[in-house]
Amino acid sequence: MVIERLRAIPSVESILRWTSIAAWVERFGRAAVVREVRAVTDALRRELRAGHLAVAQEDVPREIERRVRARLEAFERPSLRGVINATGVILHTNLGRAPLSAAALCAIERIGAGYSNLEYDLTRGERGRRDVHCQDVLRRLLDVEAALIVNNNAAAVLLVLNTLAEGGEVLVSRGELIEIGGAFRLPEIMAKSGAILREVGTTNRTRLEDYERAITERARLILRAHWSNFRIIGFTERPPLRDLVALAHRHGLPCYEDLGSGCFVDLRAWGIPDEPTVAHSLAEGVDVCSFSGDKLLGGPQAGIIVGRAAIIERLARNPLMRVVRPDKLTLAALEATLRAYLAGRLEEIPVLRMIALTPEQLRRRARAFARRLRRVCGEVFHVRLKDSASVTGGGSAPGVDLPTTLIALRHERLPAHDLEARLRAADPPIIARIEEDAVLLDLRTVAPEEEQLILRALRLIAASISG
């Protein structure tokens, strides 16, 4: 019986002549299709010999066609895909953090489509430096002497520590020995930089005199790290940044602040009270400051270092700079984002637009969406609006909730985890969350033009269930 079914598996050459498979050959080329056909037929033979294939002999050709089609469709689909973020987490690290502005996307297309003056001085007609790009706009925005761009803020921290403190001690409060997403731990980055960690104070209370007592002839740098994704509350103490800078300078040391998120605007009007701005840190006198480009700044992934020109020049000369330098597309997108700030066009930055959405605006959108869903799907889904909260995410503004209205979806015949999985399998995938056996959609992180795509996906899901 097994031998007969094995004989029922056609040769690769005959499969390639099938009309449905021949169409794929036209599309992908013979070599790619042959590879997938062989993989399918080999797998079928193994399953038949092991007794695991529950397909009738007459259905083998149809099974081959189905599997080949599935493999080729998967091959055609990019690994990195756009998704709709309906979670309400604005800077969702797993979903790529900040969406870029239209101007940033145009800059990427313009620079990526051809050649550019990435390392060419147009004035002198000779080789230039890529680290000059974004310098001028950052100087104007922050009234700072110099700036340097690297590929992310972890790289910025590594570069600063290695340049300013290799072989020497860096003073850090025990309350700032942070770990952020992806197991980024400050002590481990410091060890890789060649600097020596000198812990100061206690977890909840660190005073200025704790830093002063820790300063020895081996001290090279005082570091203040932003509490990116947590807060210490209660019986706490932390010296003002200005006092920490003054102490460092009295002992001839630079003071460096790792700000993490890199906020350029005061967010208090939008309900985020305690997020420090880059301008404030610079006004307090820090010698060098670093932060991310793809968090509250709302640009591409990058690490931005600003501060005193003498320090920035030392960083630029470090051989590590070759390892952590950004590419032309990052620089193009970042400059376009920064120019929006310089021109005061904050409404162009998607992250800031999402943060600025009011509870009333979100409630109106949620109500309108629920009405449209009932029109296209009837009463297939049980729809309920629920007052809740969005979050900033990305290690920014921990513990701060942004009021929102959620759309809670249930289906009598489809458990919430199945509905959520079907939304993830949609094109484009829709990422939602589950709570109390309901799928929750938060429109704060959904662009208005994406709402129609969610409605289409729900309509198709409803049709597949009823069918």
Protein backbone atom coordinates (compact mmCIF):
# COMPACT_ATOMS: atom_id res chain seq x y z
CA MET A 1 0.00 0.00 0.00
CA VAL A 2 2.81 2.41 0.97
CA ILE A 3 4.73 1.49 -2.21
CA GLU A 4 1.68 2.24 -4.34
CA ARG A 5 1.19 5.63 -2.72
CA LEU A 6 4.89 6.40 -3.13
CA ARG A 7 4.53 5.62 -6.84
CA ALA A 8 1.59 8.05 -6.93
CA ILE A 9 3.97 10.93 -6.25
CA PRO A 10 4.83 12.33 -9.70
CA SER A 11 8.34 13.23 -10.79
CA VAL A 12 9.55 16.78 -10.42
CA GLU A 13 9.56 17.28 -14.18
CA SER A 14 5.92 16.22 -14.56
CA ILE A 15 4.85 18.44 -11.64
CA LEU A 16 6.54 21.42 -13.31
CA ARG A 17 4.29 20.91 -16.34
CA TRP A 18 1.09 21.27 -14.30
CA THR A 19 -0.69 24.48 -15.29
CA SER A 20 -0.84 25.82 -11.74
CA ILE A 21 2.87 25.11 -11.10
CA ALA A 22 3.97 26.43 -14.50
CA ALA A 23 2.49 29.80 -13.55
CA TRP A 24 4.81 29.90 -10.53
CA VAL A 25 7.78 29.05 -12.77
CA GLU A 26 6.96 32.14 -14.85
CA ARG A 27 6.83 34.20 -11.70
CA PHE A 28 9.82 32.92 -9.70
CA GLY A 29 11.98 31.09 -12.22
CA ARG A 30 12.57 27.39 -12.69
CA ALA A 31 15.33 26.94 -10.09
CA ALA A 32 13.28 28.36 -7.21
CA VAL A 33 10.20 26.30 -8.04
CA VAL A 34 12.22 23.09 -8.51
CA ARG A 35 13.73 23.59 -5.06
CA GLU A 36 10.31 23.92 -3.42
CA VAL A 37 8.76 21.01 -5.38
CA ARG A 38 11.62 18.72 -4.33
CA ALA A 39 11.23 19.79 -0.71
CA VAL A 40 7.51 18.97 -0.83
CA THR A 41 7.86 15.59 -2.57
CA ASP A 42 10.72 14.54 -0.26
CA ALA A 43 8.61 15.46 2.77
CA LEU A 44 5.63 13.50 1.41
CA ARG A 45 7.77 10.39 0.92
CA ARG A 46 9.09 10.61 4.47
CA GLU A 47 5.56 11.01 5.87
CA LEU A 48 4.28 8.07 3.82
CA ARG A 49 7.07 5.77 5.00
CA ALA A 50 6.44 6.80 8.61
CA GLY A 51 2.68 6.34 8.23
CA HIS A 52 1.96 9.99 9.09
CA LEU A 53 0.32 11.12 5.83
CA ALA A 54 -3.48 10.94 6.07
CA VAL A 55 -4.18 11.73 2.40
CA ALA A 56 -5.91 9.39 -0.03
CA GLN A 57 -3.88 8.27 -3.04
CA GLU A 58 -6.06 10.19 -5.49
CA ASP A 59 -5.58 13.36 -3.42
CA VAL A 60 -1.78 13.30 -3.51
CA PRO A 61 -1.47 15.65 -6.55
CA ARG A 62 -3.81 18.15 -4.90
CA GLU A 63 -1.77 17.95 -1.68
CA ILE A 64 1.45 18.53 -3.61
CA GLU A 65 -0.03 21.58 -5.32
CA ARG A 66 -1.30 22.98 -2.01
CA ARG A 67 2.04 22.58 -0.26
CA VAL A 68 4.08 23.99 -3.12
CA ARG A 69 1.77 26.99 -3.36
CA ALA A 70 2.02 27.56 0.40
CA ARG A 71 5.82 27.42 0.33
CA LEU A 72 6.09 29.77 -2.64
CA GLU A 73 3.62 32.25 -1.14
CA ALA A 74 5.62 32.22 2.09
CA PHE A 75 8.81 32.71 0.08
CA GLU A 76 7.26 35.70 -1.68
CA ARG A 77 6.20 37.34 1.59
CA PRO A 78 8.94 39.54 3.13
CA SER A 79 10.14 38.62 6.59
CA LEU A 80 9.98 42.25 7.73
CA ARG A 81 6.41 43.45 7.20
CA GLY A 82 4.34 46.46 8.07
CA VAL A 83 1.70 45.87 10.75
CA ILE A 84 -1.15 47.85 12.26
CA ASN A 85 -0.48 48.64 15.90
CA ALA A 86 -3.82 48.55 17.73
CA THR A 87 -2.27 47.94 21.16
CA GLY A 88 -2.23 51.55 22.36
CA VAL A 89 1.52 51.29 23.11
CA ILE A 90 2.90 54.24 21.18
CA LEU A 91 6.61 53.34 21.21
CA HIS A 92 6.16 49.58 20.93
CA THR A 93 9.70 48.19 20.80
CA ASN A 94 8.57 44.88 19.28
CA LEU A 95 6.74 46.77 16.53
CA GLY A 96 9.59 49.07 15.56
CA ARG A 97 8.99 52.00 17.95
CA ALA A 98 8.38 55.37 16.29
CA PRO A 99 6.66 55.50 12.90
CA LEU A 100 8.38 58.04 10.67
CA SER A 101 6.96 61.28 9.36
CA ALA A 102 6.10 61.76 5.70
CA ALA A 103 9.08 64.10 5.35
CA ALA A 104 11.44 61.47 6.78
CA LEU A 105 10.10 58.84 4.38
CA CYS A 106 10.56 61.20 1.44
CA ALA A 107 14.13 61.87 2.54
CA ILE A 108 14.87 58.13 2.68
CA GLU A 109 13.48 57.66 -0.82
CA ARG A 110 15.36 60.66 -2.20
CA ILE A 111 18.74 59.70 -0.72
CA GLY A 112 18.35 55.95 -1.11
CA ALA A 113 17.44 56.11 -4.79
CA GLY A 114 20.78 57.49 -5.91
CA TYR A 115 24.13 58.86 -4.86
CA SER A 116 24.62 61.51 -2.18
CA ASN A 117 27.28 63.65 -0.54
CA LEU A 118 27.48 61.27 2.42
CA GLU A 119 31.26 61.67 2.69
CA TYR A 120 31.91 64.32 0.06
CA ASP A 121 32.46 68.03 0.62
CA LEU A 122 30.52 69.79 -2.16
CA THR A 123 32.16 73.15 -1.44
CA ARG A 124 35.77 71.96 -1.68
CA GLY A 125 35.21 69.10 -4.10
CA GLU A 126 37.02 66.55 -1.97
CA ARG A 127 36.38 63.81 0.57
CA GLY A 128 34.27 64.96 3.50
CA ARG A 129 33.00 63.56 6.82
CA ARG A 130 29.68 61.86 7.36
CA ASP A 131 29.55 63.11 10.95
CA VAL A 132 28.82 66.67 9.75
CA HIS A 133 25.30 65.72 8.71
CA CYS A 134 22.64 66.75 11.27
CA GLN A 135 25.26 68.79 13.16
CA ASP A 136 24.00 72.19 12.09
CA VAL A 137 20.32 71.53 12.78
CA LEU A 138 21.12 70.07 16.23
CA ARG A 139 23.28 73.09 17.07
CA ARG A 140 20.40 75.40 16.19
CA LEU A 141 17.76 73.33 17.97
CA LEU A 142 19.65 72.80 21.22
CA ASP A 143 22.13 75.70 21.26
CA VAL A 144 24.90 73.15 21.68
CA GLU A 145 28.51 73.26 20.53
CA ALA A 146 28.62 69.96 18.65
CA ALA A 147 26.79 66.73 17.93
CA LEU A 148 27.50 63.21 16.73
CA ILE A 149 25.17 60.49 15.39
CA VAL A 150 25.66 56.75 15.96
CA ASN A 151 23.41 53.79 15.23
CA ASN A 152 21.58 53.63 18.59
CA ASN A 153 21.81 54.96 22.12
CA ALA A 154 23.47 51.81 23.47
CA ALA A 155 26.27 52.50 20.99
CA ALA A 156 26.36 56.10 22.19
CA VAL A 157 26.82 54.97 25.80
CA LEU A 158 29.56 52.52 24.80
CA LEU A 159 31.38 55.16 22.74
CA VAL A 160 31.24 57.84 25.45
CA LEU A 161 32.40 55.49 28.23
CA ASN A 162 35.20 54.02 26.14
CA THR A 163 36.43 57.44 24.98
CA LEU A 164 36.25 59.30 28.28
CA ALA A 165 36.82 56.60 30.89
CA GLU A 166 38.61 53.53 29.52
CA GLY A 167 40.78 52.13 32.32
CA GLY A 168 39.33 54.55 34.85
CA GLU A 169 36.31 54.71 37.15
CA VAL A 170 32.83 55.96 36.29
CA LEU A 171 30.70 57.05 39.24
CA VAL A 172 27.06 55.93 39.01
CA SER A 173 24.31 55.88 41.62
CA ARG A 174 23.17 52.38 42.58
CA GLY A 175 19.63 53.55 41.79
CA GLU A 176 20.64 54.12 38.14
CA LEU A 177 22.20 50.75 37.31
CA ILE A 178 19.41 50.12 34.88
CA GLU A 179 18.34 47.29 32.61
CA ILE A 180 16.07 48.16 29.71
CA GLY A 181 14.42 46.03 27.02
CA GLY A 182 16.46 43.40 25.23
CA ALA A 183 18.62 42.76 28.35
CA PHE A 184 20.61 46.00 27.90
CA ARG A 185 22.33 46.40 31.26
CA LEU A 186 24.39 49.48 32.01
CA PRO A 187 27.04 47.61 34.08
CA GLU A 188 27.62 45.16 31.22
CA ILE A 189 27.96 47.91 28.63
CA MET A 190 30.39 49.66 30.97
CA ALA A 191 32.49 46.52 31.32
CA LYS A 192 32.67 46.17 27.53
CA SER A 193 33.76 49.80 27.23
CA GLY A 194 36.82 49.18 29.41
CA ALA A 195 35.60 51.58 32.10
CA ILE A 196 35.33 50.53 35.73
CA LEU A 197 32.01 50.89 37.53
CA ARG A 198 32.13 52.71 40.86
CA GLU A 199 28.76 52.36 42.59
CA VAL A 200 27.62 55.34 44.64
CA GLY A 201 24.97 55.67 47.36
CA THR A 202 22.06 53.27 47.76
CA THR A 203 19.22 52.14 45.51
CA ASN A 204 16.73 54.70 46.79
CA ARG A 205 18.94 57.47 48.24
CA THR A 206 22.11 58.91 46.77
CA ARG A 207 23.44 62.23 48.05
CA LEU A 208 26.00 64.60 46.59
CA GLU A 209 28.48 63.72 49.34
CA ASP A 210 28.26 60.06 48.29
CA TYR A 211 29.66 61.05 44.91
CA GLU A 212 32.32 63.25 46.49
CA ARG A 213 33.55 60.49 48.79
CA ALA A 214 33.82 58.12 45.81
CA ILE A 215 36.06 60.41 43.76
CA THR A 216 39.66 59.17 43.69
CA GLU A 217 42.61 59.67 41.38
CA ARG A 218 41.15 56.87 39.22
CA ALA A 219 37.87 58.70 38.59
CA ARG A 220 37.30 59.73 34.96
CA LEU A 221 33.59 60.51 34.65
CA ILE A 222 30.35 61.06 36.57
CA LEU A 223 27.35 59.46 34.86
CA ARG A 224 23.67 60.26 35.43
CA ALA A 225 21.37 57.62 33.85
CA HIS A 226 17.72 58.24 33.08
CA TRP A 227 15.21 55.95 34.84
CA SER A 228 13.95 54.81 31.46
CA ASN A 229 11.32 52.22 32.31
CA PHE A 230 10.76 52.48 36.07
CA ARG A 231 10.34 54.97 38.89
CA ILE A 232 11.75 55.00 42.41
CA ILE A 233 9.20 56.56 44.76
CA GLY A 234 8.78 56.96 48.48
CA PHE A 235 11.85 57.49 50.68
CA THR A 236 14.18 58.72 47.95
CA GLU A 237 16.87 61.28 47.32
CA ARG A 238 18.84 62.28 44.26
CA PRO A 239 21.08 65.35 43.90
CA PRO A 240 19.99 68.00 41.38
CA LEU A 241 21.78 67.62 38.07
CA ARG A 242 23.25 71.13 38.32
CA ASP A 243 24.90 70.24 41.65
CA LEU A 244 26.28 67.02 40.20
CA VAL A 245 27.79 68.96 37.29
CA ALA A 246 29.37 71.48 39.66
CA LEU A 247 30.89 68.67 41.73
CA ALA A 248 32.34 67.00 38.63
CA HIS A 249 33.87 70.26 37.42
CA ARG A 250 35.41 71.04 40.84
CA HIS A 251 37.33 67.79 40.50
CA GLY A 252 38.17 68.27 36.82
CA LEU A 253 35.79 65.56 35.64
CA PRO A 254 33.21 65.64 32.84
CA CYS A 255 29.55 64.94 33.66
CA TYR A 256 27.61 62.76 31.22
CA GLU A 257 23.86 62.15 31.16
CA ASP A 258 22.31 59.20 29.35
CA LEU A 259 18.81 60.56 28.77
CA GLY A 260 17.39 57.50 27.04
CA SER A 261 14.27 58.75 25.30
CA GLY A 262 15.49 62.09 24.04
CA CYS A 263 12.49 64.33 24.49
CA PHE A 264 12.67 67.73 22.75
CA VAL A 265 9.36 69.21 23.89
CA ASP A 266 7.61 69.74 27.22
CA LEU A 267 4.96 67.00 27.43
CA ARG A 268 3.16 68.26 30.53
CA ALA A 269 0.32 69.76 28.50
CA TRP A 270 -0.39 66.25 27.17
CA GLY A 271 -0.44 64.55 30.55
CA ILE A 272 3.20 63.43 30.84
CA PRO A 273 4.63 65.46 33.74
CA ASP A 274 8.13 64.19 34.53
CA GLU A 275 9.88 63.45 31.25
CA PRO A 276 13.11 65.53 31.14
CA THR A 277 14.01 67.36 27.95
CA VAL A 278 17.41 67.44 26.30
CA ALA A 279 17.45 71.24 26.49
CA HIS A 280 16.95 71.12 30.26
CA SER A 281 19.88 68.76 30.75
CA LEU A 282 22.14 70.94 28.63
CA ALA A 283 21.01 74.04 30.53
CA GLU A 284 22.03 72.29 33.76
CA GLY A 285 25.57 72.21 32.37
CA VAL A 286 26.26 68.57 31.45
CA ASP A 287 29.32 68.20 29.27
CA VAL A 288 27.84 65.48 27.09
CA CYS A 289 24.38 63.99 26.73
CA SER A 290 23.08 61.06 24.66
CA PHE A 291 19.61 59.84 23.73
CA SER A 292 17.64 57.76 21.21
CA GLY A 293 16.32 58.99 17.90
CA ASP A 294 13.41 56.56 17.66
CA LYS A 295 11.65 57.14 20.96
CA LEU A 296 10.07 60.43 22.01
CA LEU A 297 12.03 62.27 19.34
CA GLY A 298 9.97 60.33 16.79
CA GLY A 299 12.68 59.65 14.23
CA PRO A 300 14.69 56.63 13.01
CA GLN A 301 16.74 54.36 15.23
CA ALA A 302 19.85 56.35 16.10
CA GLY A 303 21.95 57.43 19.02
CA ILE A 304 22.43 61.18 19.28
CA ILE A 305 25.32 62.62 21.28
CA VAL A 306 25.47 66.36 21.98
CA GLY A 307 27.76 68.48 24.10
CA ARG A 308 31.06 70.26 24.25
CA ALA A 309 32.96 70.40 20.97
CA ALA A 310 36.24 69.10 22.47
CA ILE A 311 34.49 65.97 23.78
CA ILE A 312 32.51 65.35 20.60
CA GLU A 313 35.70 65.59 18.54
CA ARG A 314 37.36 62.98 20.78
CA LEU A 315 34.35 60.69 20.27
CA ALA A 316 34.51 61.15 16.50
CA ARG A 317 38.20 60.14 16.45
CA ASN A 318 37.65 56.95 18.45
CA PRO A 319 38.18 53.88 16.18
CA LEU A 320 34.89 52.51 17.59
CA MET A 321 33.10 55.24 15.65
CA ARG A 322 33.66 53.21 12.48
CA VAL A 323 31.77 50.32 14.11
CA VAL A 324 28.79 52.33 15.34
CA ARG A 325 28.38 54.95 12.62
CA PRO A 326 24.93 55.36 10.98
CA ASP A 327 24.10 54.80 7.33
CA LYS A 328 22.88 57.41 4.86
CA LEU A 329 19.20 56.47 5.21
CA THR A 330 19.28 56.98 8.98
CA LEU A 331 20.94 60.37 8.56
CA ALA A 332 18.41 61.41 5.91
CA ALA A 333 15.39 60.46 8.03
CA LEU A 334 16.85 61.97 11.18
CA GLU A 335 17.66 65.30 9.54
CA ALA A 336 14.13 65.55 8.12
CA THR A 337 12.69 64.83 11.57
CA LEU A 338 14.91 67.41 13.25
CA ARG A 339 14.02 70.06 10.66
CA ALA A 340 10.34 69.61 11.52
CA TYR A 341 11.21 70.52 15.11
CA LEU A 342 13.31 73.45 13.97
CA ALA A 343 10.38 74.80 11.92
CA GLY A 344 7.91 74.22 14.79
CA ARG A 345 5.92 71.67 12.75
CA LEU A 346 5.37 69.25 15.63
CA GLU A 347 2.13 68.00 14.10
CA GLU A 348 4.25 66.24 11.44
CA ILE A 349 5.77 63.89 14.03
CA PRO A 350 3.48 60.81 14.35
CA VAL A 351 4.57 60.02 17.93
CA LEU A 352 3.69 63.51 19.13
CA ARG A 353 0.37 63.40 17.26
CA MET A 354 -0.56 60.18 19.06
CA ILE A 355 0.45 61.53 22.47
CA ALA A 356 -1.54 64.72 21.85
CA LEU A 357 -4.83 62.92 21.03
CA THR A 358 -7.42 63.90 23.62
CA PRO A 359 -9.81 61.49 25.38
CA GLU A 360 -12.72 63.19 23.55
CA GLN A 361 -11.12 62.67 20.13
CA LEU A 362 -10.44 59.01 20.86
CA ARG A 363 -13.96 58.46 22.21
CA ARG A 364 -15.47 59.92 19.02
CA ARG A 365 -13.25 57.73 16.83
CA ALA A 366 -14.10 54.61 18.83
CA ARG A 367 -17.85 55.29 18.59
CA ALA A 368 -17.64 55.91 14.85
CA PHE A 369 -15.58 52.75 14.37
CA ALA A 370 -18.13 50.67 16.31
CA ARG A 371 -20.95 52.02 14.14
CA ARG A 372 -19.07 51.20 10.94
CA LEU A 373 -18.24 47.72 12.22
CA ARG A 374 -21.92 47.00 12.89
CA ARG A 375 -22.78 48.21 9.37
CA VAL A 376 -20.28 45.91 7.65
CA CYS A 377 -20.57 42.88 9.97
CA GLY A 378 -24.05 43.18 11.40
CA GLU A 379 -24.26 41.72 14.90
CA VAL A 380 -21.59 39.07 14.32
CA PHE A 381 -19.32 40.72 16.89
CA HIS A 382 -20.35 41.91 20.32
CA VAL A 383 -18.87 45.42 20.47
CA ARG A 384 -18.39 47.36 23.68
CA LEU A 385 -16.55 50.62 24.32
CA LYS A 386 -14.39 50.70 27.41
CA ASP A 387 -12.59 53.58 29.14
CA SER A 388 -8.95 52.67 29.66
CA ALA A 389 -5.42 53.96 29.14
CA SER A 390 -2.72 53.96 26.47
CA VAL A 391 0.97 54.06 27.39
CA THR A 392 3.98 55.74 25.83
CA GLY A 393 6.16 52.61 25.85
CA GLY A 394 9.75 52.32 24.69
CA GLY A 395 11.00 52.91 28.23
CA SER A 396 9.51 56.43 28.23
CA ALA A 397 7.26 57.95 30.88
CA PRO A 398 6.81 54.78 32.98
CA GLY A 399 3.71 54.80 35.16
CA VAL A 400 2.01 57.52 33.11
CA ASP A 401 -1.35 56.60 31.59
CA LEU A 402 -2.95 58.43 28.66
CA PRO A 403 -6.76 58.17 28.83
CA THR A 404 -8.33 56.39 25.86
CA THR A 405 -11.45 54.50 24.76
CA LEU A 406 -10.95 50.86 23.81
CA ILE A 407 -13.07 48.85 21.41
CA ALA A 408 -13.71 45.45 23.04
CA LEU A 409 -14.69 42.67 20.59
CA ARG A 410 -16.20 39.28 21.36
CA HIS A 411 -17.63 36.53 19.17
CA GLU A 412 -19.93 33.79 20.43
CA ARG A 413 -18.26 31.01 18.43
CA LEU A 414 -14.68 32.28 18.35
CA PRO A 415 -12.59 32.54 21.53
CA ALA A 416 -10.67 35.78 22.01
CA HIS A 417 -7.27 34.15 21.42
CA ASP A 418 -8.52 32.74 18.08
CA LEU A 419 -9.85 36.13 16.99
CA GLU A 420 -6.58 37.79 17.98
CA ALA A 421 -4.63 35.16 16.01
CA ARG A 422 -6.79 35.72 12.91
CA LEU A 423 -6.17 39.45 13.13
CA ARG A 424 -2.43 38.74 13.29
CA ALA A 425 -2.78 36.57 10.17
CA ALA A 426 -4.53 39.34 8.23
CA ASP A 427 -2.87 41.33 5.46
CA PRO A 428 -1.53 43.59 6.84
CA PRO A 429 -1.26 41.90 10.27
CA ILE A 430 -3.23 43.65 13.02
CA ILE A 431 -1.69 43.52 16.49
CA ALA A 432 -4.22 43.79 19.32
CA ARG A 433 -4.37 42.65 22.94
CA ILE A 434 -6.67 40.43 24.98
CA GLU A 435 -8.27 41.19 28.31
CA GLU A 436 -11.17 39.45 30.07
CA ASP A 437 -11.76 37.20 27.03
CA ALA A 438 -12.17 40.16 24.67
CA VAL A 439 -9.95 41.46 21.90
CA LEU A 440 -9.12 45.12 22.56
CA LEU A 441 -8.37 47.73 19.90
CA ASP A 442 -6.92 51.11 20.87
CA LEU A 443 -7.19 53.62 18.02
CA ARG A 444 -4.59 55.95 19.53
CA THR A 445 -1.89 53.99 17.69
CA VAL A 446 -3.99 53.35 14.58
CA ALA A 447 -3.74 55.88 11.75
CA PRO A 448 -7.19 56.99 10.51
CA GLU A 449 -6.55 55.45 7.09
CA GLU A 450 -5.78 52.10 8.76
CA GLU A 451 -9.25 51.81 10.30
CA GLN A 452 -10.69 50.67 6.97
CA LEU A 453 -8.09 47.87 6.82
CA ILE A 454 -9.14 46.65 10.28
CA LEU A 455 -12.80 46.72 9.26
CA ARG A 456 -11.99 44.74 6.11
CA ALA A 457 -10.11 42.12 8.13
CA LEU A 458 -12.99 41.76 10.61
CA ARG A 459 -15.47 41.46 7.76
CA LEU A 460 -13.42 38.64 6.18
CA ILE A 461 -13.11 36.90 9.55
CA ALA A 462 -16.86 37.17 10.10
CA ALA A 463 -17.55 35.77 6.64
CA SER A 464 -15.20 32.82 7.17
CA ILE A 465 -16.93 31.93 10.46
CA SER A 466 -20.46 32.17 9.10
CA GLY A 467 -19.48 30.31 5.95
